[in-house]
């Protein structure tokens, strides 16, 4: 019909049931993909289409729940830019609660990720997940962006993170500075997530995060909160459990056991709320 908008070929051709969830402000689209409704080779296009805000559903990422042989389920987690990610702490909590609500797993579950097997416990709308032990812990790493020099901590809590201690969390240009550090040659080729943190008088920590794969500031980052808590402990500024307040305002709690060479029994607790459910139509990939 004359005057109708021209649309690009859809990344999928059938309606796909989905659940929209929020984990402390990180929002995700969750899909029960155990039947292979969304093919893996089409996943990146599907993700970039449905994660566009205002033109589609909008989300920080998409989580596909799939069959596993040695756990209750496995996930494939994609950032909003279509990149496949190893791990996401807030997404892990949403995945565990989604699996319980849909009868895929019990309140206690284990699921496979590219970072390793994660265990979870659902209590109401809150979930506690046990993450893999952190690796690549480096303290006092000098990073020169060309305009400013930072001394940061770097560690991998399932995905790589940098932690920058700041005095005034509100004055930080998270996008500009985060992008510069995220793309710094020190962290090439994969890049890193970047967390800016400050400690309140009551011991809680404010945190703002620039997320790799979203390429912007997000309202929360679970693995980033874990990285920030561990960094603060390395600097003698915090002891477990550590409470963090991300940009979205919903507090996260990090538990861990320090030992001589690192940390173990790392737990992340926070909310995992169901926002709405529906069907993604092929028109979600239009324009």
Protein backbone atom coordinates (compact mmCIF):
# COMPACT_ATOMS: atom_id res chain seq x y z
CA UNK A 1 0.00 0.00 0.00
CA UNK A 2 1.32 3.41 -0.92
CA UNK A 3 2.60 5.34 2.05
CA UNK A 4 3.33 2.31 4.22
CA UNK A 5 6.81 2.29 5.78
CA UNK A 6 9.36 -0.05 4.29
CA UNK A 7 10.65 -2.60 6.78
CA UNK A 8 13.73 -4.75 6.72
CA UNK A 9 13.56 -8.52 6.65
CA UNK A 10 12.76 -9.80 10.13
CA UNK A 11 15.30 -11.71 12.20
CA UNK A 12 12.47 -14.16 12.98
CA UNK A 13 9.15 -15.04 11.40
CA UNK A 14 6.98 -16.26 14.28
CA UNK A 15 5.62 -14.76 17.48
CA UNK A 16 7.95 -15.48 20.41
CA UNK A 17 6.70 -15.54 24.03
CA UNK A 18 8.86 -13.49 26.37
CA UNK A 19 9.14 -12.16 29.90
CA UNK A 20 10.58 -8.74 30.67
CA UNK A 21 12.47 -8.66 33.97
CA UNK A 22 14.53 -6.17 35.95
CA UNK A 23 17.42 -7.00 38.23
CA UNK A 24 18.22 -3.91 40.30
CA UNK A 25 17.60 -1.73 37.23
CA UNK A 26 19.28 -3.92 34.60
CA UNK A 27 16.45 -4.96 32.29
CA UNK A 28 16.35 -8.16 30.28
CA UNK A 29 14.17 -10.05 27.83
CA UNK A 30 13.94 -13.72 28.86
CA UNK A 31 12.88 -16.45 26.46
CA UNK A 32 12.28 -20.15 27.08
CA UNK A 33 14.22 -21.41 24.08
CA UNK A 34 14.41 -25.08 25.02
CA UNK A 35 12.52 -25.92 21.86
CA UNK A 36 14.89 -23.91 19.66
CA UNK A 37 12.28 -21.32 18.70
CA UNK A 38 15.02 -18.73 18.05
CA UNK A 39 17.88 -20.32 16.11
CA UNK A 40 21.38 -19.66 17.38
CA UNK A 41 22.58 -18.37 14.02
CA UNK A 42 19.81 -15.75 14.07
CA UNK A 43 20.26 -14.77 17.72
CA UNK A 44 22.48 -11.71 17.27
CA UNK A 45 20.09 -10.11 14.77
CA UNK A 46 17.13 -10.99 16.96
CA UNK A 47 18.79 -9.41 20.01
CA UNK A 48 19.78 -6.15 18.36
CA UNK A 49 16.26 -5.82 16.95
CA UNK A 50 14.29 -6.39 20.14
CA UNK A 51 16.65 -4.48 22.46
CA UNK A 52 16.10 -1.17 20.67
CA UNK A 53 14.29 1.19 22.99
CA UNK A 54 11.19 2.95 21.66
CA UNK A 55 11.35 1.06 18.34
CA UNK A 56 10.97 -2.34 19.99
CA UNK A 57 10.78 -3.80 23.52
CA UNK A 58 14.07 -2.36 24.72
CA UNK A 59 16.51 -4.03 27.12
CA UNK A 60 20.12 -4.22 28.24
CA UNK A 61 20.25 -7.80 27.01
CA UNK A 62 18.45 -11.00 26.07
CA UNK A 63 18.63 -14.30 27.96
CA UNK A 64 17.79 -17.56 26.18
CA UNK A 65 17.02 -20.44 28.53
CA UNK A 66 18.01 -23.76 26.96
CA UNK A 67 18.45 -27.43 27.78
CA UNK A 68 21.51 -28.65 29.67
CA UNK A 69 22.90 -32.12 30.34
CA UNK A 70 24.63 -31.53 33.68
CA UNK A 71 22.54 -28.71 35.20
CA UNK A 72 18.92 -27.59 35.42
CA UNK A 73 19.35 -25.45 32.32
CA UNK A 74 21.90 -23.45 30.40
CA UNK A 75 21.69 -19.90 29.22
CA UNK A 76 22.92 -17.91 26.29
CA UNK A 77 23.27 -14.27 27.31
CA UNK A 78 23.55 -11.49 24.76
CA UNK A 79 24.29 -7.82 25.32
CA UNK A 80 22.01 -5.36 23.56
CA UNK A 81 24.56 -4.90 20.75
CA UNK A 82 24.25 -8.60 19.85
CA UNK A 83 27.54 -9.68 21.42
CA UNK A 84 27.59 -12.95 23.33
CA UNK A 85 28.72 -12.44 26.95
CA UNK A 86 30.21 -14.89 29.41
CA UNK A 87 28.31 -13.75 32.47
CA UNK A 88 25.93 -11.17 33.95
CA UNK A 89 25.20 -11.08 37.68
CA UNK A 90 21.87 -9.28 37.52
CA UNK A 91 20.84 -11.38 34.54
CA UNK A 92 21.75 -14.54 36.43
CA UNK A 93 19.31 -13.67 39.19
CA UNK A 94 16.57 -12.98 36.66
CA UNK A 95 17.29 -16.26 34.85
CA UNK A 96 17.04 -18.26 38.09
CA UNK A 97 13.71 -16.72 39.07
CA UNK A 98 12.34 -17.05 35.52
CA UNK A 99 13.28 -20.75 35.49
CA UNK A 100 11.53 -21.29 38.82
CA UNK A 101 8.37 -19.40 37.77
CA UNK A 102 8.16 -21.39 34.52
CA UNK A 103 8.71 -24.77 36.18
CA UNK A 104 12.08 -25.28 34.50
CA UNK A 105 13.94 -25.49 37.81
CA UNK A 106 13.27 -25.36 41.54
CA UNK A 107 13.91 -22.57 44.00
CA UNK A 108 17.47 -23.89 44.16
CA UNK A 109 19.04 -24.38 40.77
CA UNK A 110 22.26 -24.74 38.85
CA UNK A 111 22.77 -23.45 35.34
CA UNK A 112 25.53 -23.37 32.78
CA UNK A 113 27.11 -20.16 31.48
CA UNK A 114 30.21 -19.45 29.43
CA UNK A 115 31.88 -18.40 32.71
CA UNK A 116 31.07 -21.71 34.39
CA UNK A 117 28.21 -23.26 36.35
CA UNK A 118 26.23 -20.86 38.55
CA UNK A 119 24.07 -21.89 41.52
CA UNK A 120 21.08 -19.87 42.68
CA UNK A 121 18.42 -19.68 45.39
CA UNK A 122 15.09 -17.89 44.90
CA UNK A 123 13.34 -16.30 47.90
CA UNK A 124 10.29 -14.29 46.88
CA UNK A 125 11.34 -11.70 44.34
CA UNK A 126 14.94 -11.83 45.54
CA UNK A 127 17.63 -14.20 44.34
CA UNK A 128 21.08 -15.07 45.64
CA UNK A 129 23.54 -16.45 43.11
CA UNK A 130 26.93 -18.02 43.74
CA UNK A 131 29.36 -16.83 41.10
CA UNK A 132 32.56 -18.41 39.88
CA UNK A 133 35.70 -17.42 41.77
CA UNK A 134 37.22 -14.17 40.46
CA UNK A 135 40.40 -14.31 38.38
CA UNK A 136 43.02 -11.94 36.95
CA UNK A 137 43.07 -9.79 40.10
CA UNK A 138 45.38 -6.79 39.65
CA UNK A 139 45.64 -3.89 42.10
CA UNK A 140 46.94 -0.38 41.34
CA UNK A 141 46.94 -0.56 37.56
CA UNK A 142 47.96 2.74 35.93
CA UNK A 143 45.74 3.79 33.03
CA UNK A 144 46.42 6.95 31.02
CA UNK A 145 43.57 7.99 28.73
CA UNK A 146 45.56 10.83 27.19
CA UNK A 147 43.57 13.40 29.12
CA UNK A 148 43.64 11.92 32.60
CA UNK A 149 45.61 9.31 34.51
CA UNK A 150 43.86 6.78 36.75
CA UNK A 151 45.08 4.15 39.19
CA UNK A 152 42.52 1.36 39.11
CA UNK A 153 41.92 -2.21 40.17
CA UNK A 154 41.22 -4.82 37.52
CA UNK A 155 39.60 -8.25 37.98
CA UNK A 156 37.38 -10.75 36.25
CA UNK A 157 34.18 -11.66 38.13
CA UNK A 158 32.77 -13.66 35.23
CA UNK A 159 33.50 -10.82 32.82
CA UNK A 160 36.36 -8.28 33.03
CA UNK A 161 35.93 -5.21 35.21
CA UNK A 162 37.88 -2.12 36.20
CA UNK A 163 37.09 -0.32 39.46
CA UNK A 164 37.84 3.40 39.86
CA UNK A 165 37.50 4.99 43.32
CA UNK A 166 36.14 8.55 43.14
CA UNK A 167 35.26 11.23 45.66
CA UNK A 168 32.06 12.57 44.13
CA UNK A 169 30.04 9.92 42.29
CA UNK A 170 27.62 12.51 40.91
CA UNK A 171 30.25 14.54 39.10
CA UNK A 172 31.77 11.63 37.14
CA UNK A 173 31.34 11.68 33.36
CA UNK A 174 30.62 7.95 33.29
CA UNK A 175 30.10 7.64 29.55
CA UNK A 176 33.15 9.61 28.43
CA UNK A 177 35.60 8.27 31.00
CA UNK A 178 34.09 4.80 30.96
CA UNK A 179 34.41 4.55 27.19
CA UNK A 180 38.02 5.71 27.27
CA UNK A 181 39.01 3.11 29.86
CA UNK A 182 36.82 0.40 28.30
CA UNK A 183 38.74 0.75 25.01
CA UNK A 184 42.20 1.32 26.53
CA UNK A 185 45.00 -0.77 25.04
CA UNK A 186 45.73 -2.18 28.51
CA UNK A 187 42.48 -4.17 28.27
CA UNK A 188 42.57 -5.01 24.56
CA UNK A 189 41.32 -6.83 22.64
CA UNK A 190 38.22 -7.80 24.64
CA UNK A 191 37.85 -4.50 26.49
CA UNK A 192 36.43 -4.14 29.98
CA UNK A 193 33.47 -2.91 31.99
CA UNK A 194 34.21 0.17 34.08
CA UNK A 195 32.84 0.92 37.57
CA UNK A 196 33.12 4.20 39.45
CA UNK A 197 32.59 3.86 43.20
CA UNK A 198 32.50 5.98 46.32
CA UNK A 199 31.95 4.94 49.94
CA UNK A 200 29.26 6.54 52.10
CA UNK A 201 29.83 7.33 55.79
CA UNK A 202 27.58 4.38 56.72
CA UNK A 203 29.79 1.98 54.76
CA UNK A 204 27.48 1.46 51.80
CA UNK A 205 28.98 2.04 48.39
CA UNK A 206 27.57 4.07 45.52
CA UNK A 207 28.40 2.62 42.12
CA UNK A 208 27.95 3.73 38.53
CA UNK A 209 28.88 1.44 35.65
CA UNK A 210 29.78 1.77 31.99
CA UNK A 211 28.93 -1.61 30.47
CA UNK A 212 30.78 -3.19 27.61
CA UNK A 213 28.30 -4.47 25.03
CA UNK A 214 25.67 -1.92 26.02
CA UNK A 215 28.26 0.83 25.43
CA UNK A 216 26.59 3.17 27.86
CA UNK A 217 25.91 3.67 31.54
CA UNK A 218 23.38 1.19 32.91
CA UNK A 219 21.27 1.41 36.03
CA UNK A 220 23.10 -1.53 37.61
CA UNK A 221 25.69 -4.22 36.95
CA UNK A 222 25.84 -7.29 39.18
CA UNK A 223 29.33 -8.51 38.29
CA UNK A 224 30.45 -4.88 38.54
CA UNK A 225 29.04 -4.63 42.06
CA UNK A 226 30.98 -7.77 42.98
CA UNK A 227 34.16 -6.34 41.47
CA UNK A 228 33.68 -3.09 43.40
CA UNK A 229 33.14 -4.90 46.70
CA UNK A 230 36.25 -7.04 46.23
CA UNK A 231 38.31 -4.02 45.20
CA UNK A 232 37.21 -2.14 48.33
CA UNK A 233 38.27 -5.11 50.44
CA UNK A 234 41.67 -5.20 48.75
CA UNK A 235 42.12 -1.57 49.77
CA UNK A 236 41.05 -2.19 53.35
CA UNK A 237 37.86 -0.14 52.91
CA UNK A 238 35.21 -2.87 53.28
CA UNK A 239 34.50 -6.23 54.86
CA UNK A 240 31.82 -8.72 53.80
CA UNK A 241 28.95 -8.43 53.39
CA UNK A 242 29.13 -5.26 51.30
CA UNK A 243 26.01 -3.30 50.30
CA UNK A 244 26.11 -1.34 47.07
CA UNK A 245 23.67 1.23 45.71
CA UNK A 246 23.64 1.27 41.89
CA UNK A 247 22.15 4.03 39.77
CA UNK A 248 18.75 2.34 39.73
CA UNK A 249 18.55 2.55 43.53
CA UNK A 250 17.81 -1.13 44.28
CA UNK A 251 20.55 -2.28 46.64
CA UNK A 252 22.82 -5.23 45.93
CA UNK A 253 24.61 -7.26 48.61
CA UNK A 254 27.89 -9.05 48.00
CA UNK A 255 29.20 -11.85 50.23
CA UNK A 256 32.65 -13.40 49.88
CA UNK A 257 35.48 -15.18 51.68
CA UNK A 258 38.92 -13.66 51.20
CA UNK A 259 41.96 -15.91 51.35
CA UNK A 260 45.66 -15.47 50.65
CA UNK A 261 45.48 -15.64 46.86
CA UNK A 262 42.03 -14.26 46.16
CA UNK A 263 38.35 -14.76 46.96
CA UNK A 264 35.96 -17.70 47.08
CA UNK A 265 32.29 -18.37 47.86
CA UNK A 266 31.31 -15.13 46.13
CA UNK A 267 27.56 -14.49 46.41
CA UNK A 268 25.43 -11.74 44.89
CA UNK A 269 21.95 -11.00 46.25
CA UNK A 270 19.31 -8.63 44.93
CA UNK A 271 15.87 -8.36 43.39
CA UNK A 272 14.71 -10.02 40.17
CA UNK A 273 11.32 -8.57 39.28
CA UNK A 274 8.90 -9.60 36.57
CA UNK A 275 7.82 -6.45 34.72
CA UNK A 276 5.53 -7.86 32.02
CA UNK A 277 4.99 -10.76 29.63
CA UNK A 278 3.83 -10.96 26.04
CA UNK A 279 4.58 -12.04 22.47
CA UNK A 280 7.35 -10.58 20.35
CA UNK A 281 5.97 -10.25 16.82
CA UNK A 282 8.08 -10.14 13.64
CA UNK A 283 7.30 -6.42 13.46
CA UNK A 284 9.55 -5.91 16.49
CA UNK A 285 12.45 -6.24 14.04
CA UNK A 286 11.05 -3.65 11.63
CA UNK A 287 12.72 -0.40 10.58
